[in-house]
Amino acid sequence: MEPDLVPPTTEAIRRWSGVECPNAAARLGLADMAGLIADMEKLRGTMVFEDEPASFELALRQCKEAGK
């Protein structure tokens, strides 16, 4: 049985781009998105977007200063 996500998503894709779901494999791939979304929801609140870019910027500055 398909997750509830599949029918409205295929309809949204059809309306937005005019593309129909081509085959069963495409519907299965879309159905897999329900699990991915659930996994990402579990991470909500544990990841901070700003942390990584800030440390990355710091690493770039340190490499640049060391190379002077």
N, C-alpha and C. Protein backbone atom coordinates (compact mmCIF):
# COMPACT_ATOMS: atom_id res chain seq x y z
N MET A 1 0.84 -1.18 0.00
CA MET A 1 0.00 0.00 0.00
C MET A 1 0.89 1.25 0.00
N GLU A 2 0.52 2.20 -0.82
CA GLU A 2 1.28 3.45 -0.92
C GLU A 2 1.04 4.35 0.29
N PRO A 3 2.08 5.09 0.68
CA PRO A 3 1.87 6.09 1.73
C PRO A 3 0.92 7.18 1.24
N ASP A 4 0.29 7.86 2.18
CA ASP A 4 -0.65 8.93 1.84
C ASP A 4 0.02 10.06 1.07
N LEU A 5 1.31 10.15 1.14
CA LEU A 5 2.08 11.19 0.48
C LEU A 5 2.04 11.10 -1.05
N VAL A 6 1.94 9.89 -1.57
CA VAL A 6 2.10 9.68 -3.01
C VAL A 6 1.03 10.36 -3.88
N PRO A 7 -0.26 10.12 -3.67
CA PRO A 7 -1.25 10.73 -4.58
C PRO A 7 -1.19 12.26 -4.65
N PRO A 8 -1.15 12.98 -3.51
CA PRO A 8 -1.11 14.44 -3.66
C PRO A 8 0.21 14.94 -4.26
N THR A 9 1.28 14.20 -4.02
CA THR A 9 2.57 14.62 -4.58
C THR A 9 2.59 14.41 -6.09
N THR A 10 2.09 13.28 -6.56
CA THR A 10 2.04 13.07 -8.01
C THR A 10 1.14 14.10 -8.68
N GLU A 11 0.05 14.46 -8.00
CA GLU A 11 -0.85 15.48 -8.55
C GLU A 11 -0.15 16.84 -8.58
N ALA A 12 0.58 17.17 -7.54
CA ALA A 12 1.30 18.45 -7.51
C ALA A 12 2.36 18.50 -8.61
N ILE A 13 3.07 17.40 -8.82
CA ILE A 13 4.07 17.34 -9.89
C ILE A 13 3.40 17.51 -11.25
N ARG A 14 2.26 16.84 -11.43
CA ARG A 14 1.54 16.95 -12.71
C ARG A 14 1.09 18.38 -12.96
N ARG A 15 0.55 19.01 -11.92
CA ARG A 15 0.07 20.39 -12.09
C ARG A 15 1.21 21.36 -12.31
N TRP A 16 2.30 21.17 -11.59
CA TRP A 16 3.42 22.12 -11.67
C TRP A 16 4.18 22.00 -12.99
N SER A 17 4.46 20.75 -13.40
CA SER A 17 5.32 20.57 -14.55
C SER A 17 4.66 19.89 -15.74
N GLY A 18 3.45 19.36 -15.53
CA GLY A 18 2.77 18.66 -16.62
C GLY A 18 3.30 17.26 -16.84
N VAL A 19 4.06 16.74 -15.88
CA VAL A 19 4.65 15.41 -16.02
C VAL A 19 3.82 14.40 -15.23
N GLU A 20 3.40 13.36 -15.91
CA GLU A 20 2.68 12.27 -15.25
C GLU A 20 3.69 11.28 -14.67
N CYS A 21 3.29 10.60 -13.62
CA CYS A 21 4.14 9.56 -13.03
C CYS A 21 4.33 8.47 -14.10
N PRO A 22 5.57 8.22 -14.53
CA PRO A 22 5.79 7.37 -15.70
C PRO A 22 5.57 5.88 -15.49
N ASN A 23 5.83 5.37 -14.29
CA ASN A 23 5.72 3.92 -14.09
C ASN A 23 5.70 3.57 -12.61
N ALA A 24 5.60 2.28 -12.32
CA ALA A 24 5.55 1.80 -10.94
C ALA A 24 6.83 2.11 -10.18
N ALA A 25 7.97 2.05 -10.87
CA ALA A 25 9.25 2.34 -10.20
C ALA A 25 9.28 3.79 -9.72
N ALA A 26 8.72 4.70 -10.48
CA ALA A 26 8.67 6.10 -10.08
C ALA A 26 7.78 6.28 -8.86
N ARG A 27 6.65 5.60 -8.83
CA ARG A 27 5.75 5.67 -7.67
C ARG A 27 6.43 5.08 -6.44
N LEU A 28 7.18 4.00 -6.62
CA LEU A 28 7.90 3.38 -5.51
C LEU A 28 8.97 4.33 -4.97
N GLY A 29 9.68 4.99 -5.87
CA GLY A 29 10.68 5.97 -5.44
C GLY A 29 10.05 7.11 -4.67
N LEU A 30 8.91 7.55 -5.12
CA LEU A 30 8.19 8.62 -4.41
C LEU A 30 7.70 8.13 -3.05
N ALA A 31 7.27 6.87 -2.99
CA ALA A 31 6.81 6.30 -1.72
C ALA A 31 7.96 6.23 -0.71
N ASP A 32 9.18 6.02 -1.20
CA ASP A 32 10.35 5.98 -0.32
C ASP A 32 10.60 7.32 0.35
N MET A 33 10.11 8.38 -0.25
CA MET A 33 10.30 9.72 0.32
C MET A 33 9.61 9.85 1.68
N ALA A 34 8.55 9.10 1.91
CA ALA A 34 7.85 9.18 3.20
C ALA A 34 8.79 8.77 4.34
N GLY A 35 9.58 7.73 4.13
CA GLY A 35 10.54 7.30 5.13
C GLY A 35 11.65 8.32 5.33
N LEU A 36 12.12 8.91 4.25
CA LEU A 36 13.16 9.93 4.33
C LEU A 36 12.66 11.15 5.08
N ILE A 37 11.44 11.57 4.79
CA ILE A 37 10.86 12.71 5.49
C ILE A 37 10.73 12.41 6.97
N ALA A 38 10.29 11.21 7.32
CA ALA A 38 10.16 10.82 8.73
C ALA A 38 11.52 10.85 9.43
N ASP A 39 12.55 10.36 8.74
CA ASP A 39 13.90 10.38 9.32
C ASP A 39 14.40 11.81 9.54
N MET A 40 14.12 12.68 8.59
CA MET A 40 14.54 14.07 8.73
C MET A 40 13.78 14.77 9.86
N GLU A 41 12.50 14.43 10.02
CA GLU A 41 11.71 15.03 11.11
C GLU A 41 12.28 14.65 12.47
N LYS A 42 12.84 13.44 12.59
CA LYS A 42 13.45 13.01 13.84
C LYS A 42 14.66 13.88 14.20
N LEU A 43 15.32 14.43 13.20
CA LEU A 43 16.50 15.26 13.43
C LEU A 43 16.15 16.72 13.74
N ARG A 44 14.89 17.07 13.57
CA ARG A 44 14.48 18.45 13.80
C ARG A 44 14.89 18.90 15.20
N GLY A 45 15.54 20.03 15.27
CA GLY A 45 15.97 20.58 16.55
C GLY A 45 17.34 20.10 16.99
N THR A 46 17.89 19.10 16.32
CA THR A 46 19.22 18.60 16.71
C THR A 46 20.32 19.16 15.84
N MET A 47 19.97 19.69 14.69
CA MET A 47 20.96 20.24 13.77
C MET A 47 20.79 21.75 13.69
N VAL A 48 21.91 22.43 13.67
CA VAL A 48 21.88 23.89 13.57
C VAL A 48 22.64 24.26 12.31
N PHE A 49 21.95 24.82 11.36
CA PHE A 49 22.56 25.16 10.07
C PHE A 49 23.76 26.07 10.23
N GLU A 50 23.66 27.02 11.13
CA GLU A 50 24.71 28.02 11.27
C GLU A 50 26.00 27.45 11.82
N ASP A 51 25.97 26.35 12.55
CA ASP A 51 27.18 25.80 13.15
C ASP A 51 28.23 25.42 12.11
N GLU A 52 27.85 24.64 11.13
CA GLU A 52 28.83 24.16 10.16
C GLU A 52 29.40 25.28 9.30
N PRO A 53 28.58 26.13 8.71
CA PRO A 53 29.17 27.21 7.91
C PRO A 53 30.11 28.10 8.73
N ALA A 54 29.78 28.35 9.99
CA ALA A 54 30.64 29.21 10.81
C ALA A 54 32.00 28.54 11.02
N SER A 55 32.02 27.26 11.34
CA SER A 55 33.29 26.58 11.55
C SER A 55 34.04 26.43 10.23
N PHE A 56 33.32 26.28 9.14
CA PHE A 56 33.96 26.19 7.83
C PHE A 56 34.62 27.52 7.48
N GLU A 57 33.92 28.62 7.74
CA GLU A 57 34.50 29.94 7.49
C GLU A 57 35.74 30.15 8.34
N LEU A 58 35.70 29.73 9.59
CA LEU A 58 36.85 29.86 10.47
C LEU A 58 38.03 29.05 9.93
N ALA A 59 37.77 27.84 9.47
CA ALA A 59 38.84 27.00 8.91
C ALA A 59 39.44 27.66 7.67
N LEU A 60 38.61 28.26 6.83
CA LEU A 60 39.14 28.96 5.65
C LEU A 60 40.03 30.12 6.06
N ARG A 61 39.59 30.91 7.05
CA ARG A 61 40.40 32.03 7.51
C ARG A 61 41.73 31.56 8.09
N GLN A 62 41.71 30.49 8.87
CA GLN A 62 42.94 29.98 9.47
C GLN A 62 43.92 29.48 8.40
N CYS A 63 43.41 28.82 7.36
CA CYS A 63 44.28 28.37 6.28
C CYS A 63 44.86 29.55 5.52
N LYS A 64 44.05 30.55 5.29
CA LYS A 64 44.51 31.73 4.57
C LYS A 64 45.59 32.45 5.37
N GLU A 65 45.38 32.64 6.67
CA GLU A 65 46.36 33.31 7.52
C GLU A 65 47.64 32.51 7.63
N ALA A 66 47.56 31.19 7.68
CA ALA A 66 48.75 30.35 7.79
C ALA A 66 49.58 30.42 6.52
N GLY A 67 48.94 30.67 5.40
CA GLY A 67 49.65 30.71 4.12
C GLY A 67 50.33 32.03 3.82
N LYS A 68 50.19 33.04 4.68
CA LYS A 68 50.78 34.35 4.41
C LYS A 68 52.28 34.33 4.48
